[in-house]
């Protein structure tokens, strides 16, 4: 009489788990590569504007940033704003904020003429 061995359900379950893990890992890797490619090609970001500026020297007089308001770089004051999470509820000098940008700060600003309900949403 021939007896059949029982199916190795433990090994089958392990193989399924390993296969699912491999699919998830490969999917994650592909997703990360796609994100990296998008970041390395700024032209693919909708609405992105790039500008160049000359000079990043310290200025002792007010700087005319022209139509760039808020400014993104250029000449600036020798003193930067407090850049450790400080929130200002009054206008700050652009020259000081631009110096903070030079050191890696993120400057988020808004139009003070916005209606109060829109300012409250910020």
N, C-alpha and C. Protein backbone atom coordinates (compact mmCIF):
# COMPACT_ATOMS: atom_id res chain seq x y z
N UNK A 1 0.83 -1.17 0.00
CA UNK A 1 0.00 0.00 0.00
C UNK A 1 0.89 1.25 0.00
N UNK A 2 0.56 2.18 -0.87
CA UNK A 2 1.33 3.42 -1.00
C UNK A 2 0.63 4.49 -0.19
N UNK A 3 1.39 5.15 0.67
CA UNK A 3 0.81 6.25 1.44
C UNK A 3 1.34 7.57 0.91
N UNK A 4 0.46 8.50 0.81
CA UNK A 4 0.88 9.82 0.34
C UNK A 4 1.28 10.67 1.54
N UNK A 5 2.33 11.42 1.32
CA UNK A 5 2.75 12.33 2.38
C UNK A 5 1.84 13.55 2.37
N UNK A 6 1.58 14.12 3.53
CA UNK A 6 0.73 15.31 3.57
C UNK A 6 1.43 16.48 2.87
N UNK A 7 0.62 17.40 2.35
CA UNK A 7 1.18 18.57 1.68
C UNK A 7 1.93 19.41 2.72
N UNK A 8 3.07 19.94 2.33
CA UNK A 8 3.88 20.75 3.27
C UNK A 8 3.34 22.18 3.34
N UNK A 9 2.21 22.36 4.00
CA UNK A 9 1.55 23.67 4.05
C UNK A 9 2.45 24.74 4.67
N UNK A 10 3.26 24.39 5.60
CA UNK A 10 4.17 25.37 6.21
C UNK A 10 5.14 25.94 5.19
N UNK A 11 5.73 25.05 4.37
CA UNK A 11 6.66 25.51 3.33
C UNK A 11 5.95 26.31 2.25
N UNK A 12 4.74 25.91 1.92
CA UNK A 12 3.96 26.64 0.92
C UNK A 12 3.65 28.05 1.43
N UNK A 13 3.23 28.15 2.68
CA UNK A 13 2.93 29.46 3.26
C UNK A 13 4.18 30.34 3.30
N UNK A 14 5.31 29.75 3.68
CA UNK A 14 6.57 30.49 3.72
C UNK A 14 6.94 31.00 2.32
N UNK A 15 6.78 30.17 1.31
CA UNK A 15 7.10 30.57 -0.06
C UNK A 15 6.20 31.72 -0.52
N UNK A 16 4.91 31.68 -0.16
CA UNK A 16 3.99 32.75 -0.52
C UNK A 16 4.39 34.05 0.17
N UNK A 17 4.74 33.99 1.45
CA UNK A 17 5.15 35.19 2.19
C UNK A 17 6.42 35.78 1.58
N UNK A 18 7.40 34.94 1.27
CA UNK A 18 8.64 35.41 0.66
C UNK A 18 8.36 36.05 -0.70
N UNK A 19 7.49 35.45 -1.49
CA UNK A 19 7.16 36.00 -2.81
C UNK A 19 6.46 37.36 -2.66
N UNK A 20 5.52 37.47 -1.72
CA UNK A 20 4.84 38.75 -1.50
C UNK A 20 5.82 39.82 -1.03
N UNK A 21 6.74 39.44 -0.15
CA UNK A 21 7.75 40.39 0.32
C UNK A 21 8.62 40.86 -0.85
N UNK A 22 9.01 39.95 -1.72
CA UNK A 22 9.85 40.31 -2.87
C UNK A 22 9.11 41.27 -3.80
N UNK A 23 7.84 41.00 -4.06
CA UNK A 23 7.04 41.88 -4.92
C UNK A 23 6.93 43.27 -4.28
N UNK A 24 6.68 43.32 -2.97
CA UNK A 24 6.57 44.61 -2.28
C UNK A 24 7.90 45.37 -2.33
N UNK A 25 9.01 44.68 -2.11
CA UNK A 25 10.32 45.33 -2.12
C UNK A 25 10.65 45.87 -3.51
N UNK A 26 10.36 45.10 -4.54
CA UNK A 26 10.62 45.55 -5.91
C UNK A 26 9.72 46.74 -6.25
N UNK A 27 8.45 46.67 -5.86
CA UNK A 27 7.54 47.79 -6.10
C UNK A 27 8.00 49.06 -5.41
N UNK A 28 8.46 48.93 -4.17
CA UNK A 28 8.97 50.09 -3.43
C UNK A 28 10.20 50.67 -4.12
N UNK A 29 11.11 49.81 -4.56
CA UNK A 29 12.33 50.27 -5.23
C UNK A 29 11.99 51.01 -6.52
N UNK A 30 11.08 50.48 -7.30
CA UNK A 30 10.68 51.14 -8.55
C UNK A 30 10.06 52.50 -8.25
N UNK A 31 9.23 52.57 -7.22
CA UNK A 31 8.60 53.83 -6.83
C UNK A 31 9.66 54.86 -6.43
N UNK A 32 10.67 54.45 -5.68
CA UNK A 32 11.73 55.37 -5.26
C UNK A 32 12.54 55.86 -6.46
N UNK A 33 12.80 54.99 -7.41
CA UNK A 33 13.54 55.40 -8.61
C UNK A 33 12.73 56.43 -9.38
N UNK A 34 11.43 56.21 -9.51
CA UNK A 34 10.58 57.16 -10.23
C UNK A 34 10.57 58.52 -9.53
N UNK A 35 10.52 58.53 -8.20
CA UNK A 35 10.56 59.80 -7.46
C UNK A 35 11.89 60.50 -7.69
N UNK A 36 12.98 59.76 -7.64
CA UNK A 36 14.31 60.34 -7.83
C UNK A 36 14.43 60.94 -9.22
N UNK A 37 13.90 60.25 -10.23
CA UNK A 37 13.97 60.78 -11.59
C UNK A 37 13.18 62.08 -11.71
N UNK A 38 12.03 62.16 -11.05
CA UNK A 38 11.23 63.39 -11.10
C UNK A 38 11.98 64.53 -10.43
N UNK A 39 12.66 64.25 -9.31
CA UNK A 39 13.39 65.30 -8.62
C UNK A 39 14.64 65.73 -9.37
N UNK A 40 15.24 64.80 -10.12
CA UNK A 40 16.45 65.15 -10.85
C UNK A 40 16.13 65.87 -12.16
N UNK A 41 14.86 65.95 -12.52
CA UNK A 41 14.45 66.65 -13.72
C UNK A 41 13.45 67.74 -13.32
N UNK A 42 13.94 68.90 -12.85
CA UNK A 42 13.02 69.93 -12.38
C UNK A 42 12.07 70.44 -13.46
N UNK A 43 12.42 70.27 -14.74
CA UNK A 43 11.53 70.73 -15.80
C UNK A 43 10.22 69.97 -15.80
N UNK A 44 10.18 68.81 -15.13
CA UNK A 44 8.95 68.02 -15.10
C UNK A 44 7.98 68.50 -14.02
N UNK A 45 8.39 69.47 -13.19
CA UNK A 45 7.53 69.97 -12.12
C UNK A 45 6.67 71.09 -12.69
N UNK A 46 5.37 70.87 -12.70
CA UNK A 46 4.44 71.84 -13.28
C UNK A 46 4.45 73.14 -12.49
N UNK A 47 4.57 74.26 -13.18
CA UNK A 47 4.51 75.57 -12.56
C UNK A 47 5.83 76.06 -11.98
N UNK A 48 6.86 75.23 -12.03
CA UNK A 48 8.16 75.63 -11.48
C UNK A 48 8.77 76.73 -12.32
N UNK A 49 9.24 77.76 -11.66
CA UNK A 49 9.93 78.85 -12.34
C UNK A 49 11.36 78.89 -11.83
N UNK A 50 12.30 79.06 -12.73
CA UNK A 50 13.70 79.19 -12.31
C UNK A 50 14.20 80.56 -12.73
N UNK A 51 15.01 81.14 -11.87
CA UNK A 51 15.58 82.45 -12.15
C UNK A 51 17.02 82.44 -11.69
N UNK A 52 17.80 83.29 -12.27
CA UNK A 52 19.18 83.44 -11.83
C UNK A 52 19.34 84.82 -11.21
N UNK A 53 20.27 84.92 -10.31
CA UNK A 53 20.57 86.21 -9.71
C UNK A 53 22.08 86.35 -9.63
N UNK A 54 22.51 87.58 -9.63
CA UNK A 54 23.94 87.83 -9.52
C UNK A 54 24.23 88.40 -8.16
N UNK A 55 25.33 88.00 -7.63
CA UNK A 55 25.78 88.55 -6.36
C UNK A 55 25.05 87.98 -5.17
N UNK A 56 25.79 87.68 -4.16
CA UNK A 56 25.22 87.26 -2.89
C UNK A 56 26.05 87.93 -1.81
N UNK A 57 26.35 89.19 -2.05
CA UNK A 57 27.21 89.95 -1.15
C UNK A 57 26.38 90.59 -0.04
N UNK A 58 27.04 90.91 1.05
CA UNK A 58 26.38 91.63 2.13
C UNK A 58 26.26 93.10 1.74
N UNK A 59 25.09 93.64 1.96
CA UNK A 59 24.82 95.04 1.63
C UNK A 59 24.51 95.79 2.91
N UNK A 60 24.89 97.04 2.96
CA UNK A 60 24.59 97.86 4.14
C UNK A 60 23.42 98.80 3.87
N UNK A 61 23.03 98.92 2.62
CA UNK A 61 21.90 99.77 2.23
C UNK A 61 20.73 98.88 1.81
N UNK A 62 19.52 99.42 1.79
CA UNK A 62 18.38 98.64 1.29
C UNK A 62 18.64 98.15 -0.13
N UNK A 63 18.17 96.94 -0.44
CA UNK A 63 18.38 96.33 -1.75
C UNK A 63 17.08 96.39 -2.53
N UNK A 64 17.18 96.80 -3.80
CA UNK A 64 16.01 96.81 -4.68
C UNK A 64 15.93 95.45 -5.37
N UNK A 65 14.97 94.63 -4.98
CA UNK A 65 14.82 93.29 -5.56
C UNK A 65 13.91 93.30 -6.79
N UNK A 66 13.50 94.48 -7.22
CA UNK A 66 12.69 94.60 -8.42
C UNK A 66 11.34 93.92 -8.26
N UNK A 67 10.96 93.17 -9.29
CA UNK A 67 9.65 92.52 -9.30
C UNK A 67 9.62 91.23 -8.47
N UNK A 68 10.78 90.80 -7.98
CA UNK A 68 10.83 89.56 -7.20
C UNK A 68 10.41 89.81 -5.77
N UNK A 69 9.14 89.63 -5.50
CA UNK A 69 8.64 89.84 -4.15
C UNK A 69 7.76 88.66 -3.77
N UNK A 70 8.17 87.88 -2.81
CA UNK A 70 9.38 88.03 -2.01
C UNK A 70 10.62 87.63 -2.81
N UNK A 71 11.76 88.21 -2.49
CA UNK A 71 12.98 87.87 -3.22
C UNK A 71 13.46 86.46 -2.87
N UNK A 72 14.30 85.91 -3.73
CA UNK A 72 14.78 84.54 -3.55
C UNK A 72 16.29 84.47 -3.40
N UNK A 73 16.98 85.57 -3.58
CA UNK A 73 18.43 85.56 -3.46
C UNK A 73 19.00 86.88 -3.91
N UNK A 74 20.30 86.98 -3.84
CA UNK A 74 20.98 88.19 -4.25
C UNK A 74 21.64 88.87 -3.07
N UNK A 75 21.94 90.14 -3.24
CA UNK A 75 22.55 90.88 -2.15
C UNK A 75 21.61 90.86 -0.94
N UNK A 76 22.21 90.93 0.25
CA UNK A 76 21.40 90.84 1.47
C UNK A 76 22.15 91.46 2.64
N UNK A 77 21.45 91.63 3.73
CA UNK A 77 22.04 92.19 4.94
C UNK A 77 23.02 91.19 5.55
N UNK A 78 23.94 91.70 6.35
CA UNK A 78 24.91 90.83 7.01
C UNK A 78 24.32 90.05 8.18
N UNK A 79 23.11 90.40 8.60
CA UNK A 79 22.44 89.73 9.72
C UNK A 79 21.21 89.01 9.19
N UNK A 80 21.03 87.75 9.57
CA UNK A 80 19.86 87.01 9.11
C UNK A 80 18.78 87.00 10.18
N UNK A 81 17.59 86.58 9.77
CA UNK A 81 16.47 86.45 10.70
C UNK A 81 16.69 85.26 11.62
N UNK A 82 15.96 85.25 12.72
CA UNK A 82 15.94 84.09 13.60
C UNK A 82 15.30 82.94 12.82
N UNK A 83 16.07 81.91 12.52
CA UNK A 83 15.61 80.85 11.61
C UNK A 83 15.39 79.52 12.32
N UNK A 84 14.97 79.55 13.56
CA UNK A 84 14.78 78.29 14.29
C UNK A 84 13.31 78.03 14.57
N UNK A 85 12.47 78.33 13.60
CA UNK A 85 11.04 78.09 13.76
C UNK A 85 10.26 79.33 14.15
N UNK A 86 10.93 80.45 14.20
CA UNK A 86 10.27 81.71 14.57
C UNK A 86 9.19 82.05 13.54
N UNK A 87 8.02 82.46 14.02
CA UNK A 87 6.94 82.91 13.15
C UNK A 87 6.77 84.40 13.40
N UNK A 88 6.86 85.18 12.35
CA UNK A 88 6.71 86.62 12.46
C UNK A 88 5.31 87.01 12.01
N UNK A 89 4.61 87.81 12.82
CA UNK A 89 3.28 88.26 12.41
C UNK A 89 3.32 89.69 11.89
N UNK A 90 4.53 90.19 11.66
CA UNK A 90 4.71 91.50 11.03
C UNK A 90 5.68 91.31 9.87
N UNK A 91 5.69 92.27 8.97
CA UNK A 91 6.60 92.19 7.82
C UNK A 91 8.05 92.23 8.30
N UNK A 92 8.90 91.47 7.65
CA UNK A 92 10.32 91.46 7.98
C UNK A 92 11.09 92.07 6.81
N UNK A 93 12.30 92.55 7.11
CA UNK A 93 13.14 93.12 6.05
C UNK A 93 13.56 92.00 5.10
N UNK A 94 13.35 92.21 3.83
CA UNK A 94 13.73 91.22 2.84
C UNK A 94 15.22 90.92 2.89
N UNK A 95 16.02 91.94 3.15
CA UNK A 95 17.47 91.77 3.17
C UNK A 95 17.90 90.75 4.23
N UNK A 96 17.20 90.74 5.39
CA UNK A 96 17.53 89.78 6.44
C UNK A 96 17.01 88.39 6.10
N UNK A 97 15.82 88.33 5.50
CA UNK A 97 15.25 87.04 5.13
C UNK A 97 16.08 86.36 4.04
N UNK A 98 16.56 87.13 3.07
CA UNK A 98 17.38 86.55 2.00
C UNK A 98 18.67 85.97 2.59
N UNK A 99 19.23 86.60 3.60
CA UNK A 99 20.42 86.04 4.24
C UNK A 99 20.09 84.69 4.87
N UNK A 100 18.91 84.59 5.48
CA UNK A 100 18.49 83.30 6.03
C UNK A 100 18.37 82.24 4.95
N UNK A 101 17.86 82.62 3.77
CA UNK A 101 17.75 81.68 2.65
C UNK A 101 19.13 81.17 2.25
N UNK A 102 20.12 82.06 2.28
CA UNK A 102 21.48 81.67 1.92
C UNK A 102 21.99 80.55 2.84
N UNK A 103 21.51 80.53 4.06
CA UNK A 103 21.95 79.52 5.03
C UNK A 103 21.01 78.33 5.10
N UNK A 104 20.06 78.23 4.17
CA UNK A 104 19.21 77.06 4.09
C UNK A 104 17.85 77.18 4.76
N UNK A 105 17.51 78.37 5.23
CA UNK A 105 16.20 78.55 5.85
C UNK A 105 15.10 78.47 4.79
N UNK A 106 13.90 78.17 5.22
CA UNK A 106 12.73 78.19 4.35
C UNK A 106 11.89 79.38 4.78
N UNK A 107 11.59 80.24 3.85
CA UNK A 107 10.84 81.46 4.14
C UNK A 107 9.48 81.33 3.50
N UNK A 108 8.45 81.22 4.31
CA UNK A 108 7.08 81.13 3.81
C UNK A 108 6.42 82.48 4.10
N UNK A 109 5.89 83.08 3.07
CA UNK A 109 5.31 84.41 3.22
C UNK A 109 3.95 84.46 2.54
N UNK A 110 3.17 85.49 2.84
CA UNK A 110 1.86 85.65 2.22
C UNK A 110 1.58 87.12 2.00
N UNK A 111 0.60 87.39 1.18
CA UNK A 111 0.19 88.75 0.87
C UNK A 111 -0.63 89.29 2.05
N UNK A 112 -0.16 90.35 2.72
CA UNK A 112 -0.90 90.85 3.88
C UNK A 112 -2.26 91.44 3.53
N UNK A 113 -2.54 91.65 2.25
CA UNK A 113 -3.84 92.18 1.84
C UNK A 113 -4.89 91.09 1.68
N UNK A 114 -4.52 89.84 1.99
CA UNK A 114 -5.51 88.75 1.92
C UNK A 114 -6.62 89.00 2.92
N UNK A 115 -7.83 88.53 2.62
CA UNK A 115 -8.90 88.62 3.62
C UNK A 115 -8.52 87.82 4.87
N UNK A 116 -9.00 88.27 6.02
CA UNK A 116 -8.62 87.66 7.29
C UNK A 116 -8.95 86.17 7.34
N UNK A 117 -10.07 85.74 6.75
CA UNK A 117 -10.41 84.31 6.80
C UNK A 117 -9.39 83.47 6.04
N UNK A 118 -8.80 84.01 4.97
CA UNK A 118 -7.76 83.27 4.24
C UNK A 118 -6.45 83.25 5.03
N UNK A 119 -6.15 84.34 5.72
CA UNK A 119 -4.95 84.37 6.57
C UNK A 119 -5.10 83.36 7.70
N UNK A 120 -6.30 83.26 8.27
CA UNK A 120 -6.55 82.30 9.35
C UNK A 120 -6.34 80.87 8.89
N UNK A 121 -6.59 80.58 7.60
CA UNK A 121 -6.38 79.23 7.08
C UNK A 121 -4.91 78.87 7.02
N UNK A 122 -4.04 79.88 6.91
CA UNK A 122 -2.61 79.60 6.85
C UNK A 122 -2.15 79.02 8.16
